Amino acid sequence: MSGQKSVTPSAESLAASLTGTKTRGLPPVHLWNPPFCGNLDMRIARDGTWFYQGTPIGRPGLVKLFSSILKKEGNDFFLVTPVEKVGIVVDDAPFVAVDFEVKGRDENQVLTFTTQVGDTAVASDALPIRVVRDAATGEPSPYVLMRADLEALIDRKSFYRLVDLGAHHDGWFGIWSSGAFFPIIPSVELP
């Protein structure tokens, strides 16, 4: 291995390796399969805050850049570029849906979610909404699939708005979007 340098991954090296790969829209991370370079001291908290070496990343543009190269494999999360792949920690979901727009009504409504980094997704069969209830408390945690196995936790205010739009269908209370029904709770459990 003489002549080869070992490089320790860093947030700076990831950002630098992307400067020449700018594309319209999201980078094609699904096509990139670089070697694993180790874990990076980066974490995404449940509230959507990105941390690097224990400190919140204060530059929204940098967070958006990193979010665009996020990839999930199994239960693990990675930031990938054409030349390196590093593991990061995600406390819950990598994104938080902080708002949504409604067009139409009832079975014909379409819900478009927006995340804390400005990504959007239309809830549909391909990008479903799911609700996980805590086994001990029954508290719901609602999610919407944003892209390629990457979900957004729907924030509390948005979830309350969704509930206001809810309807009963086939024994469930849930929400419609793009012609698909997404169950939230069995109808019999509602007061």
C-alpha atoms as a PDB file:
ATOM      1  CA  MET A   1       0.000   0.000   0.000  1.00  0.00           C
ATOM      2  CA  SER A   2       2.904   2.352  -0.412  1.00  0.00           C
ATOM      3  CA  GLY A   3       1.920   5.547  -2.140  1.00  0.00           C
ATOM      4  CA  GLN A   4      -1.701   5.351  -0.926  1.00  0.00           C
ATOM      5  CA  LYS A   5      -2.907   7.664   1.803  1.00  0.00           C
ATOM      6  CA  SER A   6      -5.464   6.673   4.375  1.00  0.00           C
ATOM      7  CA  VAL A   7      -8.096   9.380   4.625  1.00  0.00           C
ATOM      8  CA  THR A   8     -10.199   9.871   7.712  1.00  0.00           C
ATOM      9  CA  PRO A   9     -13.723  10.842   6.702  1.00  0.00           C
ATOM     10  CA  SER A  10     -14.939  14.262   7.776  1.00  0.00           C
ATOM     11  CA  ALA A  11     -17.851  16.544   7.018  1.00  0.00           C
ATOM     12  CA  GLU A  12     -15.457  18.765   5.112  1.00  0.00           C
ATOM     13  CA  SER A  13     -14.159  15.934   2.920  1.00  0.00           C
ATOM     14  CA  LEU A  14     -17.709  14.865   2.078  1.00  0.00           C
ATOM     15  CA  ALA A  15     -18.728  18.392   1.120  1.00  0.00           C
ATOM     16  CA  ALA A  16     -15.553  18.840  -0.936  1.00  0.00           C
ATOM     17  CA  SER A  17     -16.050  15.596  -2.862  1.00  0.00           C
ATOM     18  CA  LEU A  18     -19.508  16.766  -3.947  1.00  0.00           C
ATOM     19  CA  THR A  19     -18.447  20.075  -5.448  1.00  0.00           C
ATOM     20  CA  GLY A  20     -17.828  18.520  -8.865  1.00  0.00           C
ATOM     21  CA  THR A  21     -20.964  16.365  -8.885  1.00  0.00           C
ATOM     22  CA  LYS A  22     -23.703  18.992  -8.743  1.00  0.00           C
ATOM     23  CA  THR A  23     -26.790  17.911 -10.597  1.00  0.00           C
ATOM     24  CA  ARG A  24     -30.346  19.128 -10.864  1.00  0.00           C
ATOM     25  CA  GLY A  25     -32.442  17.511  -8.200  1.00  0.00           C
ATOM     26  CA  LEU A  26     -31.075  14.850  -5.904  1.00  0.00           C
ATOM     27  CA  PRO A  27     -27.751  13.153  -6.634  1.00  0.00           C
ATOM     28  CA  PRO A  28     -28.057   9.526  -7.862  1.00  0.00           C
ATOM     29  CA  VAL A  29     -26.890   7.976  -4.568  1.00  0.00           C
ATOM     30  CA  HIS A  30     -28.611   4.712  -5.507  1.00  0.00           C
ATOM     31  CA  LEU A  31     -26.006   4.345  -8.295  1.00  0.00           C
ATOM     32  CA  TRP A  32     -23.004   5.091  -6.077  1.00  0.00           C
ATOM     33  CA  ASN A  33     -21.319   2.176  -4.346  1.00  0.00           C
ATOM     34  CA  PRO A  34     -18.038   3.545  -2.962  1.00  0.00           C
ATOM     35  CA  PRO A  35     -16.023   1.741  -0.297  1.00  0.00           C
ATOM     36  CA  PHE A  36     -17.067   2.155   3.348  1.00  0.00           C
ATOM     37  CA  CYS A  37     -14.687   4.639   4.971  1.00  0.00           C
ATOM     38  CA  GLY A  38     -15.838   4.328   8.586  1.00  0.00           C
ATOM     39  CA  ASN A  39     -18.290   6.120  10.797  1.00  0.00           C
ATOM     40  CA  LEU A  40     -18.575   9.877  11.021  1.00  0.00           C
ATOM     41  CA  ASP A  41     -19.421  11.616  14.294  1.00  0.00           C
ATOM     42  CA  MET A  42     -22.674  12.892  12.819  1.00  0.00           C
ATOM     43  CA  ARG A  43     -26.164  12.404  14.214  1.00  0.00           C
ATOM     44  CA  ILE A  44     -29.674  13.383  13.201  1.00  0.00           C
ATOM     45  CA  ALA A  45     -31.832  13.951  16.293  1.00  0.00           C
ATOM     46  CA  ARG A  46     -35.516  13.016  16.425  1.00  0.00           C
ATOM     47  CA  ASP A  47     -36.447  16.688  15.958  1.00  0.00           C
ATOM     48  CA  GLY A  48     -34.500  16.824  12.659  1.00  0.00           C
ATOM     49  CA  THR A  49     -31.452  18.696  14.012  1.00  0.00           C
ATOM     50  CA  TRP A  50     -28.172  17.568  12.449  1.00  0.00           C
ATOM     51  CA  PHE A  51     -25.138  17.379  14.766  1.00  0.00           C
ATOM     52  CA  TYR A  52     -21.468  17.103  13.824  1.00  0.00           C
ATOM     53  CA  GLN A  53     -19.040  16.205  16.615  1.00  0.00           C
ATOM     54  CA  GLY A  54     -21.771  16.963  19.168  1.00  0.00           C
ATOM     55  CA  THR A  55     -22.526  20.461  17.857  1.00  0.00           C
ATOM     56  CA  PRO A  56     -25.621  21.400  15.842  1.00  0.00           C
ATOM     57  CA  ILE A  57     -24.828  22.190  12.217  1.00  0.00           C
ATOM     58  CA  GLY A  58     -25.916  25.818  11.918  1.00  0.00           C
ATOM     59  CA  ARG A  59     -25.635  26.183   8.155  1.00  0.00           C
ATOM     60  CA  PRO A  60     -28.945  25.177   6.511  1.00  0.00           C
ATOM     61  CA  GLY A  61     -27.250  24.835   3.105  1.00  0.00           C
ATOM     62  CA  LEU A  62     -24.779  22.307   4.498  1.00  0.00           C
ATOM     63  CA  VAL A  63     -27.575  20.303   6.160  1.00  0.00           C
ATOM     64  CA  LYS A  64     -29.480  20.300   2.857  1.00  0.00           C
ATOM     65  CA  LEU A  65     -26.347  19.126   1.035  1.00  0.00           C
ATOM     66  CA  PHE A  66     -25.782  16.273   3.493  1.00  0.00           C
ATOM     67  CA  SER A  67     -29.474  15.303   3.400  1.00  0.00           C
ATOM     68  CA  SER A  68     -29.224  14.968  -0.388  1.00  0.00           C
ATOM     69  CA  ILE A  69     -26.538  12.268  -0.108  1.00  0.00           C
ATOM     70  CA  LEU A  70     -28.255  10.256   2.622  1.00  0.00           C
ATOM     71  CA  LYS A  71     -28.804   6.570   1.949  1.00  0.00           C
ATOM     72  CA  LYS A  72     -30.359   3.786   4.018  1.00  0.00           C
ATOM     73  CA  GLU A  73     -29.179   0.186   3.798  1.00  0.00           C
ATOM     74  CA  GLY A  74     -31.060  -2.185   6.063  1.00  0.00           C
ATOM     75  CA  ASN A  75     -31.326  -0.336   9.379  1.00  0.00           C
ATOM     76  CA  ASP A  76     -28.148   1.688   8.839  1.00  0.00           C
ATOM     77  CA  PHE A  77     -27.744   5.194   7.448  1.00  0.00           C
ATOM     78  CA  PHE A  78     -24.863   6.486   5.348  1.00  0.00           C
ATOM     79  CA  LEU A  79     -23.726   9.620   3.606  1.00  0.00           C
ATOM     80  CA  VAL A  80     -22.399   8.633   0.193  1.00  0.00           C
ATOM     81  CA  THR A  81     -20.478  10.378  -2.531  1.00  0.00           C
ATOM     82  CA  PRO A  82     -19.020   8.831  -5.663  1.00  0.00           C
ATOM     83  CA  VAL A  83     -15.786   8.152  -3.722  1.00  0.00           C
ATOM     84  CA  GLU A  84     -16.693   7.557  -0.068  1.00  0.00           C
ATOM     85  CA  LYS A  85     -19.382   6.143   2.184  1.00  0.00           C
ATOM     86  CA  VAL A  86     -19.597   6.954   5.898  1.00  0.00           C
ATOM     87  CA  GLY A  87     -21.971   5.779   8.578  1.00  0.00           C
ATOM     88  CA  ILE A  88     -24.007   8.220  10.639  1.00  0.00           C
ATOM     89  CA  VAL A  89     -26.501   7.876  13.508  1.00  0.00           C
ATOM     90  CA  VAL A  90     -30.180   8.644  13.024  1.00  0.00           C
ATOM     91  CA  ASP A  91     -32.207   8.729  16.252  1.00  0.00           C
ATOM     92  CA  ASP A  92     -35.583   8.094  14.580  1.00  0.00           C
ATOM     93  CA  ALA A  93     -36.287   9.222  11.013  1.00  0.00           C
ATOM     94  CA  PRO A  94     -33.783  11.276   9.022  1.00  0.00           C
ATOM     95  CA  PHE A  95     -36.353  13.937   8.141  1.00  0.00           C
ATOM     96  CA  VAL A  96     -39.177  15.783   9.862  1.00  0.00           C
ATOM     97  CA  ALA A  97     -42.284  16.722   7.889  1.00  0.00           C
ATOM     98  CA  VAL A  98     -42.903  20.231   9.195  1.00  0.00           C
ATOM     99  CA  ASP A  99     -45.890  21.093   7.003  1.00  0.00           C
ATOM    100  CA  PHE A 100     -48.210  19.789   4.312  1.00  0.00           C
ATOM    101  CA  GLU A 101     -50.523  21.165   1.655  1.00  0.00           C
ATOM    102  CA  VAL A 102     -53.965  19.754   0.878  1.00  0.00           C
ATOM    103  CA  LYS A 103     -55.612  19.816  -2.527  1.00  0.00           C
ATOM    104  CA  GLY A 104     -59.062  18.349  -3.009  1.00  0.00           C
ATOM    105  CA  ARG A 105     -61.308  16.728  -0.414  1.00  0.00           C
ATOM    106  CA  ASP A 106     -62.073  13.354   1.110  1.00  0.00           C
ATOM    107  CA  GLU A 107     -61.046  10.407  -1.116  1.00  0.00           C
ATOM    108  CA  ASN A 108     -59.866  12.813  -3.820  1.00  0.00           C
ATOM    109  CA  GLN A 109     -57.500  14.838  -1.644  1.00  0.00           C
ATOM    110  CA  VAL A 110     -53.775  14.961  -2.285  1.00  0.00           C
ATOM    111  CA  LEU A 111     -51.336  15.666   0.556  1.00  0.00           C
ATOM    112  CA  THR A 112     -47.914  17.133  -0.233  1.00  0.00           C
ATOM    113  CA  PHE A 113     -45.482  17.081   2.698  1.00  0.00           C
ATOM    114  CA  THR A 114     -42.490  19.395   3.157  1.00  0.00           C
ATOM    115  CA  THR A 115     -39.512  18.512   5.365  1.00  0.00           C
ATOM    116  CA  GLN A 116     -37.199  20.648   7.477  1.00  0.00           C
ATOM    117  CA  VAL A 117     -34.709  20.665   4.570  1.00  0.00           C
ATOM    118  CA  GLY A 118     -37.269  21.690   1.953  1.00  0.00           C
ATOM    119  CA  ASP A 119     -37.827  18.298   0.298  1.00  0.00           C
ATOM    120  CA  THR A 120     -41.399  17.518  -0.767  1.00  0.00           C
ATOM    121  CA  ALA A 121     -43.314  14.302  -1.322  1.00  0.00           C
ATOM    122  CA  VAL A 122     -46.896  13.524  -2.271  1.00  0.00           C
ATOM    123  CA  ALA A 123     -48.357  10.818  -0.024  1.00  0.00           C
ATOM    124  CA  SER A 124     -49.498   7.908  -2.192  1.00  0.00           C
ATOM    125  CA  ASP A 125     -49.249   4.137  -2.490  1.00  0.00           C
ATOM    126  CA  ALA A 126     -45.606   4.662  -3.514  1.00  0.00           C
ATOM    127  CA  LEU A 127     -44.897   7.128  -0.674  1.00  0.00           C
ATOM    128  CA  PRO A 128     -47.179   5.918   2.126  1.00  0.00           C
ATOM    129  CA  ILE A 129     -48.055   7.365   5.495  1.00  0.00           C
ATOM    130  CA  ARG A 130     -47.719   4.980   8.412  1.00  0.00           C
ATOM    131  CA  VAL A 131     -48.404   5.360  12.116  1.00  0.00           C
ATOM    132  CA  VAL A 132     -46.531   3.426  14.801  1.00  0.00           C
ATOM    133  CA  ARG A 133     -48.021   3.397  18.277  1.00  0.00           C
ATOM    134  CA  ASP A 134     -45.873   3.104  21.372  1.00  0.00           C
ATOM    135  CA  ALA A 135     -46.659  -0.254  22.993  1.00  0.00           C
ATOM    136  CA  ALA A 136     -46.670   1.177  26.524  1.00  0.00           C
ATOM    137  CA  THR A 137     -48.319   4.575  26.068  1.00  0.00           C
ATOM    138  CA  GLY A 138     -50.267   4.181  22.820  1.00  0.00           C
ATOM    139  CA  GLU A 139     -48.765   7.492  21.629  1.00  0.00           C
ATOM    140  CA  PRO A 140     -48.678   7.667  17.831  1.00  0.00           C
ATOM    141  CA  SER A 141     -45.565   8.366  15.773  1.00  0.00           C
ATOM    142  CA  PRO A 142     -46.660   9.187  12.205  1.00  0.00           C
ATOM    143  CA  TYR A 143     -44.274   8.919   9.247  1.00  0.00           C
ATOM    144  CA  VAL A 144     -44.371   9.573   5.523  1.00  0.00           C
ATOM    145  CA  LEU A 145     -41.952   7.969   3.080  1.00  0.00           C
ATOM    146  CA  MET A 146     -39.986  10.687   1.283  1.00  0.00           C
ATOM    147  CA  ARG A 147     -37.707   8.681  -1.022  1.00  0.00           C
ATOM    148  CA  ALA A 148     -35.719   5.436  -1.234  1.00  0.00           C
ATOM    149  CA  ASP A 149     -36.482   4.061   2.258  1.00  0.00           C
ATOM    150  CA  LEU A 150     -36.011   7.482   3.882  1.00  0.00           C
ATOM    151  CA  GLU A 151     -38.928   8.573   6.034  1.00  0.00           C
ATOM    152  CA  ALA A 152     -39.969  11.821   7.651  1.00  0.00           C
ATOM    153  CA  LEU A 153     -41.488  11.909  11.107  1.00  0.00           C
ATOM    154  CA  ILE A 154     -44.627  14.040  10.787  1.00  0.00           C
ATOM    155  CA  ASP A 155     -44.420  16.796  13.396  1.00  0.00           C
ATOM    156  CA  ARG A 156     -47.142  17.142  16.025  1.00  0.00           C
ATOM    157  CA  LYS A 157     -48.897  20.223  14.576  1.00  0.00           C
ATOM    158  CA  SER A 158     -49.075  18.588  11.138  1.00  0.00           C
ATOM    159  CA  PHE A 159     -50.363  15.348  12.623  1.00  0.00           C
ATOM    160  CA  TYR A 160     -53.160  17.219  14.414  1.00  0.00           C
ATOM    161  CA  ARG A 161     -54.079  18.829  11.086  1.00  0.00           C
ATOM    162  CA  LEU A 162     -54.110  15.368   9.466  1.00  0.00           C
ATOM    163  CA  VAL A 163     -56.440  14.063  12.151  1.00  0.00           C
ATOM    164  CA  ASP A 164     -58.817  16.945  11.409  1.00  0.00           C
ATOM    165  CA  LEU A 165     -58.921  15.709   7.785  1.00  0.00           C
ATOM    166  CA  GLY A 166     -59.421  12.092   8.839  1.00  0.00           C
ATOM    167  CA  ALA A 167     -62.242   9.776   7.854  1.00  0.00           C
ATOM    168  CA  HIS A 168     -63.522   6.307   8.699  1.00  0.00           C
ATOM    169  CA  HIS A 169     -62.964   3.556   6.127  1.00  0.00           C
ATOM    170  CA  ASP A 170     -63.167  -0.246   6.483  1.00  0.00           C
ATOM    171  CA  GLY A 171     -63.123  -0.127  10.285  1.00  0.00           C
ATOM    172  CA  TRP A 172     -60.259   2.338  10.514  1.00  0.00           C
ATOM    173  CA  PHE A 173     -59.906   6.048  11.121  1.00  0.00           C
ATOM    174  CA  GLY A 174     -57.268   7.418   8.783  1.00  0.00           C
ATOM    175  CA  ILE A 175     -56.356   9.790   6.019  1.00  0.00           C
ATOM    176  CA  TRP A 176     -56.772   9.792   2.238  1.00  0.00           C
ATOM    177  CA  SER A 177     -54.166  10.959  -0.265  1.00  0.00           C
ATOM    178  CA  SER A 178     -53.793  10.280  -3.982  1.00  0.00           C
ATOM    179  CA  GLY A 179     -56.616   7.715  -3.883  1.00  0.00           C
ATOM    180  CA  ALA A 180     -54.981   5.657  -1.116  1.00  0.00           C
ATOM    181  CA  PHE A 181     -56.250   5.310   2.469  1.00  0.00           C
ATOM    182  CA  PHE A 182     -53.708   5.308   5.298  1.00  0.00           C
ATOM    183  CA  PRO A 183     -55.017   3.922   8.607  1.00  0.00           C
ATOM    184  CA  ILE A 184     -54.185   5.729  11.832  1.00  0.00           C
ATOM    185  CA  ILE A 185     -56.235   3.938  14.513  1.00  0.00           C
ATOM    186  CA  PRO A 186     -59.028   1.348  14.563  1.00  0.00           C
ATOM    187  CA  SER A 187     -62.381   3.163  14.560  1.00  0.00           C
ATOM    188  CA  VAL A 188     -63.537   1.241  17.655  1.00  0.00           C
ATOM    189  CA  GLU A 189     -60.718   2.802  19.690  1.00  0.00           C
ATOM    190  CA  LEU A 190     -62.042   6.317  19.156  1.00  0.00           C
ATOM    191  CA  PRO A 191     -64.342   7.830  21.798  1.00  0.00           C
END
